[in-house]
C-alpha cells in the first residue's frame, strides 16, 4: 500500500475483516473496526476543539489510546504520547486523553481552555468528557479529507513529525525488513518516542500487517512472521531497532 497521509490508511474502501490490532490481553480487532471507530473518535474529539495546529496529549498504550491518536490525526491535530504533567504553558495544547483515574487524581495541570477526556471508568467530575461512551455513540462516518502531507502528526516536545515524513519512514522500514501483509509488529518501546509510533503502529498499518500491543508483564515474542520494535529479548533478525527509524 502507498500513502502520504494517515487518513489514506483508514478509508472506507480498505475496511475488511483482516486482523489489524491485537491488545495486551490477546484480543483481536479487525480493520473494519479500526477504520470505523477511528472516524468515530475523530468526530468525538472534534467536540473538544481538536483541529489543525493544536496538540492532543494521549496517556496509555492500548486500543483506546490508538483510537485517540488516529482520531486526532484525521482532524489534522498533533499527538504527543505520554506528555509531561505540567502543561500550563503549552498554549497549543487543546485536549488530554488519559485514564479517568489519572484525570480525577489531578496529576495533570493543563492550560486554560484545554479539555480533559477520560477513558475507562465513568468519570465523576462533570468537566471530564467520557471517551468510551462518546466514541461508541458517535456517527460512524467521516467527511472527506484533504490533509496536507506536511501537516504535523507527532511530537515529543522537541521535534515534530509530519504525515509524509512518518509514512516515508514506515515505507523504508517495510522495505528494509521485508514486512509483508499479515506480519505482526510487537510494540515494545514507549509510544512517547515518535520512532516507536512510526515503527510499531504506522509501519504495520501501511504494510497491511498487525499492530501488537503489550504491557510490562507481557511475554509476547516476535516469531512466525512477527517483528518486535527494539526488544533485546528477540532475535536480531526480527528486531526493529529505533536507530533504524530515520526521523529527525
C-alpha atoms as a PDB file:
ATOM      1  CA  UNK A   1       0.000   0.000   0.000  1.00  0.00           C
ATOM      2  CA  UNK A   2       1.126   3.560  -0.658  1.00  0.00           C
ATOM      3  CA  UNK A   3       0.036   6.595   1.366  1.00  0.00           C
ATOM      4  CA  UNK A   4       1.348  10.047   2.212  1.00  0.00           C
ATOM      5  CA  UNK A   5      -1.157  10.885   4.964  1.00  0.00           C
ATOM      6  CA  UNK A   6      -2.572   8.628   7.648  1.00  0.00           C
ATOM      7  CA  UNK A   7      -6.193   9.137   6.622  1.00  0.00           C
ATOM      8  CA  UNK A   8      -5.364   7.192   3.443  1.00  0.00           C
ATOM      9  CA  UNK A   9      -4.816   4.120   5.647  1.00  0.00           C
ATOM     10  CA  UNK A  10      -8.313   4.394   7.129  1.00  0.00           C
ATOM     11  CA  UNK A  11     -10.530   4.798   4.084  1.00  0.00           C
ATOM     12  CA  UNK A  12     -13.902   3.162   3.577  1.00  0.00           C
ATOM     13  CA  UNK A  13     -12.532   1.075   0.696  1.00  0.00           C
ATOM     14  CA  UNK A  14      -9.966  -0.567   2.978  1.00  0.00           C
ATOM     15  CA  UNK A  15     -12.437  -1.849   5.555  1.00  0.00           C
ATOM     16  CA  UNK A  16     -12.354  -5.627   5.808  1.00  0.00           C
ATOM     17  CA  UNK A  17     -12.242  -8.403   8.386  1.00  0.00           C
ATOM     18  CA  UNK A  18      -8.476  -8.957   8.475  1.00  0.00           C
ATOM     19  CA  UNK A  19      -6.896  -8.500  11.898  1.00  0.00           C
ATOM     20  CA  UNK A  20      -5.305  -5.059  12.276  1.00  0.00           C
ATOM     21  CA  UNK A  21      -4.691  -4.821  16.022  1.00  0.00           C
ATOM     22  CA  UNK A  22      -4.080  -7.123  18.977  1.00  0.00           C
ATOM     23  CA  UNK A  23      -4.136  -5.716  22.508  1.00  0.00           C
ATOM     24  CA  UNK A  24      -2.106  -6.800  25.528  1.00  0.00           C
ATOM     25  CA  UNK A  25      -4.777  -9.366  26.503  1.00  0.00           C
ATOM     26  CA  UNK A  26      -4.631 -11.034  23.081  1.00  0.00           C
ATOM     27  CA  UNK A  27      -7.962  -9.625  21.928  1.00  0.00           C
ATOM     28  CA  UNK A  28      -8.060  -9.065  18.168  1.00  0.00           C
ATOM     29  CA  UNK A  29      -9.651  -6.151  16.315  1.00  0.00           C
ATOM     30  CA  UNK A  30     -10.267  -6.179  12.578  1.00  0.00           C
ATOM     31  CA  UNK A  31      -9.544  -3.392  10.114  1.00  0.00           C
ATOM     32  CA  UNK A  32     -13.232  -2.610   9.661  1.00  0.00           C
ATOM     33  CA  UNK A  33     -13.443  -1.849  13.397  1.00  0.00           C
ATOM     34  CA  UNK A  34     -10.217   0.177  13.316  1.00  0.00           C
ATOM     35  CA  UNK A  35     -11.380   2.381  10.436  1.00  0.00           C
ATOM     36  CA  UNK A  36     -14.926   2.951  11.629  1.00  0.00           C
ATOM     37  CA  UNK A  37     -14.020   3.543  15.275  1.00  0.00           C
ATOM     38  CA  UNK A  38     -11.173   5.899  14.351  1.00  0.00           C
ATOM     39  CA  UNK A  39     -13.711   8.002  12.429  1.00  0.00           C
ATOM     40  CA  UNK A  40     -15.990   7.972  15.469  1.00  0.00           C
ATOM     41  CA  UNK A  41     -13.069   9.001  17.687  1.00  0.00           C
ATOM     42  CA  UNK A  42     -12.330  11.910  15.348  1.00  0.00           C
ATOM     43  CA  UNK A  43     -15.955  13.016  15.378  1.00  0.00           C
ATOM     44  CA  UNK A  44     -15.975  12.915  19.185  1.00  0.00           C
ATOM     45  CA  UNK A  45     -12.673  14.758  19.631  1.00  0.00           C
ATOM     46  CA  UNK A  46     -13.885  17.477  17.274  1.00  0.00           C
ATOM     47  CA  UNK A  47     -16.357  18.464  20.020  1.00  0.00           C
ATOM     48  CA  UNK A  48     -13.371  19.054  22.324  1.00  0.00           C
ATOM     49  CA  UNK A  49     -11.849  21.526  19.891  1.00  0.00           C
ATOM     50  CA  UNK A  50      -9.317  19.222  18.250  1.00  0.00           C
ATOM     51  CA  UNK A  51      -8.298  20.605  14.878  1.00  0.00           C
ATOM     52  CA  UNK A  52      -5.257  21.563  12.825  1.00  0.00           C
ATOM     53  CA  UNK A  53      -2.413  23.298  14.691  1.00  0.00           C
ATOM     54  CA  UNK A  54      -3.434  22.036  18.135  1.00  0.00           C
ATOM     55  CA  UNK A  55      -1.795  19.333  20.232  1.00  0.00           C
ATOM     56  CA  UNK A  56      -3.526  16.437  21.968  1.00  0.00           C
ATOM     57  CA  UNK A  57      -1.815  14.570  24.772  1.00  0.00           C
ATOM     58  CA  UNK A  58      -2.538  10.856  24.979  1.00  0.00           C
ATOM     59  CA  UNK A  59      -1.684   8.738  28.008  1.00  0.00           C
ATOM     60  CA  UNK A  60      -1.555   4.947  27.640  1.00  0.00           C
ATOM     61  CA  UNK A  61      -0.770   2.341  25.019  1.00  0.00           C
ATOM     62  CA  UNK A  62      -3.996   0.453  24.409  1.00  0.00           C
ATOM     63  CA  UNK A  63      -6.705   0.363  21.728  1.00  0.00           C
ATOM     64  CA  UNK A  64      -8.459   3.451  23.118  1.00  0.00           C
ATOM     65  CA  UNK A  65      -5.209   5.418  23.110  1.00  0.00           C
ATOM     66  CA  UNK A  66      -4.608   4.426  19.484  1.00  0.00           C
ATOM     67  CA  UNK A  67      -8.158   5.442  18.553  1.00  0.00           C
ATOM     68  CA  UNK A  68      -7.485   8.858  20.089  1.00  0.00           C
ATOM     69  CA  UNK A  69      -4.281   9.080  18.049  1.00  0.00           C
ATOM     70  CA  UNK A  70      -5.990   8.175  14.782  1.00  0.00           C
ATOM     71  CA  UNK A  71      -8.946  10.461  15.532  1.00  0.00           C
ATOM     72  CA  UNK A  72      -6.567  13.345  16.235  1.00  0.00           C
ATOM     73  CA  UNK A  73      -4.673  12.615  13.012  1.00  0.00           C
ATOM     74  CA  UNK A  74      -7.876  12.664  10.970  1.00  0.00           C
ATOM     75  CA  UNK A  75      -8.602  16.125  12.411  1.00  0.00           C
ATOM     76  CA  UNK A  76      -5.097  17.286  11.391  1.00  0.00           C
ATOM     77  CA  UNK A  77      -4.093  17.643  15.034  1.00  0.00           C
ATOM     78  CA  UNK A  78      -0.746  16.689  16.559  1.00  0.00           C
ATOM     79  CA  UNK A  79      -0.399  13.866  19.078  1.00  0.00           C
ATOM     80  CA  UNK A  80       2.025  13.857  21.971  1.00  0.00           C
ATOM     81  CA  UNK A  81       2.049  10.499  23.730  1.00  0.00           C
ATOM     82  CA  UNK A  82       2.742  10.498  27.472  1.00  0.00           C
ATOM     83  CA  UNK A  83       3.107  14.273  27.853  1.00  0.00           C
ATOM     84  CA  UNK A  84       4.585  15.886  30.977  1.00  0.00           C
ATOM     85  CA  UNK A  85       2.232  16.530  33.893  1.00  0.00           C
ATOM     86  CA  UNK A  86       2.742  20.312  33.893  1.00  0.00           C
ATOM     87  CA  UNK A  87       1.328  21.659  30.651  1.00  0.00           C
ATOM     88  CA  UNK A  88       0.168  25.066  31.863  1.00  0.00           C
ATOM     89  CA  UNK A  89       2.484  26.946  29.495  1.00  0.00           C
ATOM     90  CA  UNK A  90       1.718  24.788  26.429  1.00  0.00           C
ATOM     91  CA  UNK A  91      -0.612  27.204  24.652  1.00  0.00           C
ATOM     92  CA  UNK A  92      -1.118  24.859  21.660  1.00  0.00           C
ATOM     93  CA  UNK A  93      -2.357  22.088  23.956  1.00  0.00           C
ATOM     94  CA  UNK A  94      -6.087  21.530  23.391  1.00  0.00           C
ATOM     95  CA  UNK A  95      -7.011  18.210  24.994  1.00  0.00           C
ATOM     96  CA  UNK A  96      -5.633  15.450  27.178  1.00  0.00           C
ATOM     97  CA  UNK A  97      -6.876  11.902  26.675  1.00  0.00           C
ATOM     98  CA  UNK A  98      -5.997   9.799  29.727  1.00  0.00           C
ATOM     99  CA  UNK A  99      -7.411   7.252  32.161  1.00  0.00           C
ATOM    100  CA  UNK A 100     -10.236   8.769  34.189  1.00  0.00           C
ATOM    101  CA  UNK A 101      -8.474   7.877  37.438  1.00  0.00           C
ATOM    102  CA  UNK A 102      -5.414   9.928  36.412  1.00  0.00           C
ATOM    103  CA  UNK A 103      -7.523  12.928  35.477  1.00  0.00           C
ATOM    104  CA  UNK A 104      -9.561  12.840  38.669  1.00  0.00           C
ATOM    105  CA  UNK A 105      -6.391  12.498  40.737  1.00  0.00           C
ATOM    106  CA  UNK A 106      -5.272  15.891  39.430  1.00  0.00           C
ATOM    107  CA  UNK A 107      -1.963  14.585  38.102  1.00  0.00           C
ATOM    108  CA  UNK A 108      -2.022  16.909  35.090  1.00  0.00           C
ATOM    109  CA  UNK A 109      -2.068  20.707  35.022  1.00  0.00           C
ATOM    110  CA  UNK A 110      -3.480  21.937  31.715  1.00  0.00           C
ATOM    111  CA  UNK A 111      -3.536  25.376  30.082  1.00  0.00           C
ATOM    112  CA  UNK A 112      -6.720  27.394  30.278  1.00  0.00           C
ATOM    113  CA  UNK A 113      -9.361  26.092  27.898  1.00  0.00           C
ATOM    114  CA  UNK A 114      -7.824  22.641  27.422  1.00  0.00           C
ATOM    115  CA  UNK A 115     -10.281  19.767  27.676  1.00  0.00           C
ATOM    116  CA  UNK A 116      -9.950  16.630  29.802  1.00  0.00           C
ATOM    117  CA  UNK A 117     -11.066  13.457  28.010  1.00  0.00           C
ATOM    118  CA  UNK A 118     -11.064  10.301  30.126  1.00  0.00           C
ATOM    119  CA  UNK A 119     -11.330   6.650  29.259  1.00  0.00           C
ATOM    120  CA  UNK A 120     -12.016   3.651  31.448  1.00  0.00           C
ATOM    121  CA  UNK A 121     -14.445   4.083  34.325  1.00  0.00           C
ATOM    122  CA  UNK A 122     -17.240   6.648  34.084  1.00  0.00           C
ATOM    123  CA  UNK A 123     -15.946   9.995  35.383  1.00  0.00           C
ATOM    124  CA  UNK A 124     -17.487  11.560  38.486  1.00  0.00           C
ATOM    125  CA  UNK A 125     -16.386  15.078  37.566  1.00  0.00           C
ATOM    126  CA  UNK A 126     -18.710  16.745  35.035  1.00  0.00           C
ATOM    127  CA  UNK A 127     -15.942  18.523  33.117  1.00  0.00           C
ATOM    128  CA  UNK A 128     -14.261  15.242  32.145  1.00  0.00           C
ATOM    129  CA  UNK A 129     -15.614  14.015  28.806  1.00  0.00           C
ATOM    130  CA  UNK A 130     -16.070  10.229  28.762  1.00  0.00           C
ATOM    131  CA  UNK A 131     -14.176   8.990  25.703  1.00  0.00           C
ATOM    132  CA  UNK A 132     -15.570   5.435  25.746  1.00  0.00           C
ATOM    133  CA  UNK A 133     -19.219   6.452  25.829  1.00  0.00           C
ATOM    134  CA  UNK A 134     -18.737   9.368  23.461  1.00  0.00           C
ATOM    135  CA  UNK A 135     -16.958   7.334  20.802  1.00  0.00           C
ATOM    136  CA  UNK A 136     -19.459   4.496  20.795  1.00  0.00           C
ATOM    137  CA  UNK A 137     -22.369   6.909  20.340  1.00  0.00           C
ATOM    138  CA  UNK A 138     -20.759   8.948  17.541  1.00  0.00           C
ATOM    139  CA  UNK A 139     -21.568   8.880  13.841  1.00  0.00           C
ATOM    140  CA  UNK A 140     -19.593   6.020  12.178  1.00  0.00           C
ATOM    141  CA  UNK A 141     -18.644   8.098   9.138  1.00  0.00           C
ATOM    142  CA  UNK A 142     -16.259  10.931   8.468  1.00  0.00           C
ATOM    143  CA  UNK A 143     -16.311  13.826   5.995  1.00  0.00           C
ATOM    144  CA  UNK A 144     -13.924  13.716   3.010  1.00  0.00           C
ATOM    145  CA  UNK A 145     -10.387  14.803   3.846  1.00  0.00           C
ATOM    146  CA  UNK A 146      -7.636  16.646   2.031  1.00  0.00           C
ATOM    147  CA  UNK A 147      -4.747  16.669   4.510  1.00  0.00           C
ATOM    148  CA  UNK A 148      -1.535  18.443   3.536  1.00  0.00           C
ATOM    149  CA  UNK A 149       1.252  15.805   3.797  1.00  0.00           C
ATOM    150  CA  UNK A 150       3.388  18.358   5.651  1.00  0.00           C
ATOM    151  CA  UNK A 151       0.836  18.575   8.484  1.00  0.00           C
ATOM    152  CA  UNK A 152       2.395  17.604  11.803  1.00  0.00           C
ATOM    153  CA  UNK A 153       1.139  14.297  13.187  1.00  0.00           C
ATOM    154  CA  UNK A 154       3.510  13.590  16.117  1.00  0.00           C
ATOM    155  CA  UNK A 155       5.665  15.491  18.585  1.00  0.00           C
ATOM    156  CA  UNK A 156       7.698  14.627  21.663  1.00  0.00           C
ATOM    157  CA  UNK A 157       8.043  18.236  22.714  1.00  0.00           C
ATOM    158  CA  UNK A 158      11.392  18.704  20.969  1.00  0.00           C
ATOM    159  CA  UNK A 159      10.765  17.546  17.406  1.00  0.00           C
ATOM    160  CA  UNK A 160       7.773  17.423  15.103  1.00  0.00           C
ATOM    161  CA  UNK A 161       6.994  14.723  12.552  1.00  0.00           C
ATOM    162  CA  UNK A 162       4.746  15.260   9.537  1.00  0.00           C
ATOM    163  CA  UNK A 163       2.362  12.734   7.972  1.00  0.00           C
ATOM    164  CA  UNK A 164       4.607  12.493   4.930  1.00  0.00           C
ATOM    165  CA  UNK A 165       7.793  12.042   6.956  1.00  0.00           C
ATOM    166  CA  UNK A 166       6.219   9.371   9.146  1.00  0.00           C
ATOM    167  CA  UNK A 167       4.884   7.339   6.228  1.00  0.00           C
ATOM    168  CA  UNK A 168       8.064   7.676   4.158  1.00  0.00           C
ATOM    169  CA  UNK A 169       9.975   6.245   7.115  1.00  0.00           C
ATOM    170  CA  UNK A 170       7.401   3.476   7.545  1.00  0.00           C
ATOM    171  CA  UNK A 171       7.781   2.574   3.873  1.00  0.00           C
ATOM    172  CA  UNK A 172      11.563   2.412   4.272  1.00  0.00           C
ATOM    173  CA  UNK A 173      11.190   0.057   7.233  1.00  0.00           C
ATOM    174  CA  UNK A 174       8.860  -2.193   5.262  1.00  0.00           C
ATOM    175  CA  UNK A 175      11.465  -2.479   2.504  1.00  0.00           C
ATOM    176  CA  UNK A 176      14.412  -2.874   4.879  1.00  0.00           C
ATOM    177  CA  UNK A 177      12.844  -5.610   6.988  1.00  0.00           C
ATOM    178  CA  UNK A 178      10.698  -7.223   4.312  1.00  0.00           C
ATOM    179  CA  UNK A 179       7.492  -6.745   6.290  1.00  0.00           C
ATOM    180  CA  UNK A 180       4.523  -8.216   4.442  1.00  0.00           C
ATOM    181  CA  UNK A 181       0.745  -8.218   4.722  1.00  0.00           C
ATOM    182  CA  UNK A 182      -0.321 -10.226   7.774  1.00  0.00           C
ATOM    183  CA  UNK A 183       3.034  -9.868   9.572  1.00  0.00           C
ATOM    184  CA  UNK A 184       2.823  -8.800  13.194  1.00  0.00           C
ATOM    185  CA  UNK A 185       4.821  -5.970  14.732  1.00  0.00           C
ATOM    186  CA  UNK A 186       5.043  -6.076  18.522  1.00  0.00           C
ATOM    187  CA  UNK A 187       5.357  -2.655  20.176  1.00  0.00           C
ATOM    188  CA  UNK A 188       7.922  -2.930  22.973  1.00  0.00           C
ATOM    189  CA  UNK A 189       9.065   0.674  23.207  1.00  0.00           C
ATOM    190  CA  UNK A 190       7.027   3.596  24.609  1.00  0.00           C
ATOM    191  CA  UNK A 191       4.967   5.494  22.064  1.00  0.00           C
ATOM    192  CA  UNK A 192       6.242   8.736  23.614  1.00  0.00           C
ATOM    193  CA  UNK A 193       9.181   8.206  21.249  1.00  0.00           C
ATOM    194  CA  UNK A 194       7.829   9.075  17.765  1.00  0.00           C
ATOM    195  CA  UNK A 195      10.152   6.462  16.283  1.00  0.00           C
ATOM    196  CA  UNK A 196       8.308   3.749  18.210  1.00  0.00           C
ATOM    197  CA  UNK A 197       4.948   5.042  16.996  1.00  0.00           C
ATOM    198  CA  UNK A 198       6.130   5.087  13.396  1.00  0.00           C
ATOM    199  CA  UNK A 199       7.764   1.647  13.588  1.00  0.00           C
ATOM    200  CA  UNK A 200       5.209  -0.079  15.787  1.00  0.00           C
ATOM    201  CA  UNK A 201       1.926   1.478  14.662  1.00  0.00           C
ATOM    202  CA  UNK A 202       2.191   3.143  11.259  1.00  0.00           C
ATOM    203  CA  UNK A 203       4.553   0.613   9.669  1.00  0.00           C
ATOM    204  CA  UNK A 204       2.307  -2.452  10.154  1.00  0.00           C
ATOM    205  CA  UNK A 205      -0.729  -0.377   9.206  1.00  0.00           C
ATOM    206  CA  UNK A 206       0.940   0.680   5.960  1.00  0.00           C
ATOM    207  CA  UNK A 207       2.077  -2.898   5.280  1.00  0.00           C
ATOM    208  CA  UNK A 208      -1.441  -4.255   5.951  1.00  0.00           C
ATOM    209  CA  UNK A 209       0.072  -6.111   8.871  1.00  0.00           C
ATOM    210  CA  UNK A 210      -0.930  -6.323  12.529  1.00  0.00           C
ATOM    211  CA  UNK A 211      -0.146  -3.928  15.383  1.00  0.00           C
ATOM    212  CA  UNK A 212       0.501  -5.920  18.575  1.00  0.00           C
ATOM    213  CA  UNK A 213       0.350  -4.013  21.858  1.00  0.00           C
ATOM    214  CA  UNK A 214       1.959  -5.331  25.037  1.00  0.00           C
ATOM    215  CA  UNK A 215       2.336  -4.318  28.648  1.00  0.00           C
ATOM    216  CA  UNK A 216       5.237  -4.514  31.081  1.00  0.00           C
ATOM    217  CA  UNK A 217       4.419  -8.106  32.016  1.00  0.00           C
ATOM    218  CA  UNK A 218       3.780  -9.395  28.503  1.00  0.00           C
ATOM    219  CA  UNK A 219       5.959 -12.155  27.133  1.00  0.00           C
ATOM    220  CA  UNK A 220       4.938 -11.724  23.502  1.00  0.00           C
ATOM    221  CA  UNK A 221       7.713 -12.886  21.216  1.00  0.00           C
ATOM    222  CA  UNK A 222       8.382 -11.919  17.636  1.00  0.00           C
ATOM    223  CA  UNK A 223       8.168 -15.281  15.925  1.00  0.00           C
ATOM    224  CA  UNK A 224       6.323 -16.811  12.981  1.00  0.00           C
ATOM    225  CA  UNK A 225       6.136 -13.744  10.771  1.00  0.00           C
ATOM    226  CA  UNK A 226       6.366 -11.189  13.560  1.00  0.00           C
ATOM    227  CA  UNK A 227       8.760  -8.380  14.435  1.00  0.00           C
ATOM    228  CA  UNK A 228       9.406  -6.503  17.664  1.00  0.00           C
ATOM    229  CA  UNK A 229      10.285  -2.842  17.969  1.00  0.00           C
ATOM    230  CA  UNK A 230      13.723  -2.691  19.639  1.00  0.00           C
ATOM    231  CA  UNK A 231      13.474  -5.586  22.054  1.00  0.00           C
ATOM    232  CA  UNK A 232      16.629  -7.425  23.077  1.00  0.00           C
ATOM    233  CA  UNK A 233      14.535 -10.467  24.013  1.00  0.00           C
ATOM    234  CA  UNK A 234      14.011 -11.470  20.391  1.00  0.00           C
ATOM    235  CA  UNK A 235      16.402 -12.469  17.613  1.00  0.00           C
ATOM    236  CA  UNK A 236      18.161  -9.578  15.925  1.00  0.00           C
ATOM    237  CA  UNK A 237      16.724 -10.578  12.548  1.00  0.00           C
ATOM    238  CA  UNK A 238      13.190  -9.790  13.785  1.00  0.00           C
ATOM    239  CA  UNK A 239      14.074  -6.742  15.867  1.00  0.00           C
ATOM    240  CA  UNK A 240      13.334  -3.277  14.504  1.00  0.00           C
ATOM    241  CA  UNK A 241      15.932  -1.043  16.115  1.00  0.00           C
ATOM    242  CA  UNK A 242      14.882   2.514  16.881  1.00  0.00           C
ATOM    243  CA  UNK A 243      18.239   3.619  15.442  1.00  0.00           C
ATOM    244  CA  UNK A 244      16.981   2.352  12.070  1.00  0.00           C
ATOM    245  CA  UNK A 245      13.946   4.645  12.201  1.00  0.00           C
ATOM    246  CA  UNK A 246      15.191   7.694  10.315  1.00  0.00           C
ATOM    247  CA  UNK A 247      13.352  10.594  11.934  1.00  0.00           C
ATOM    248  CA  UNK A 248      14.985  13.908  12.900  1.00  0.00           C
END
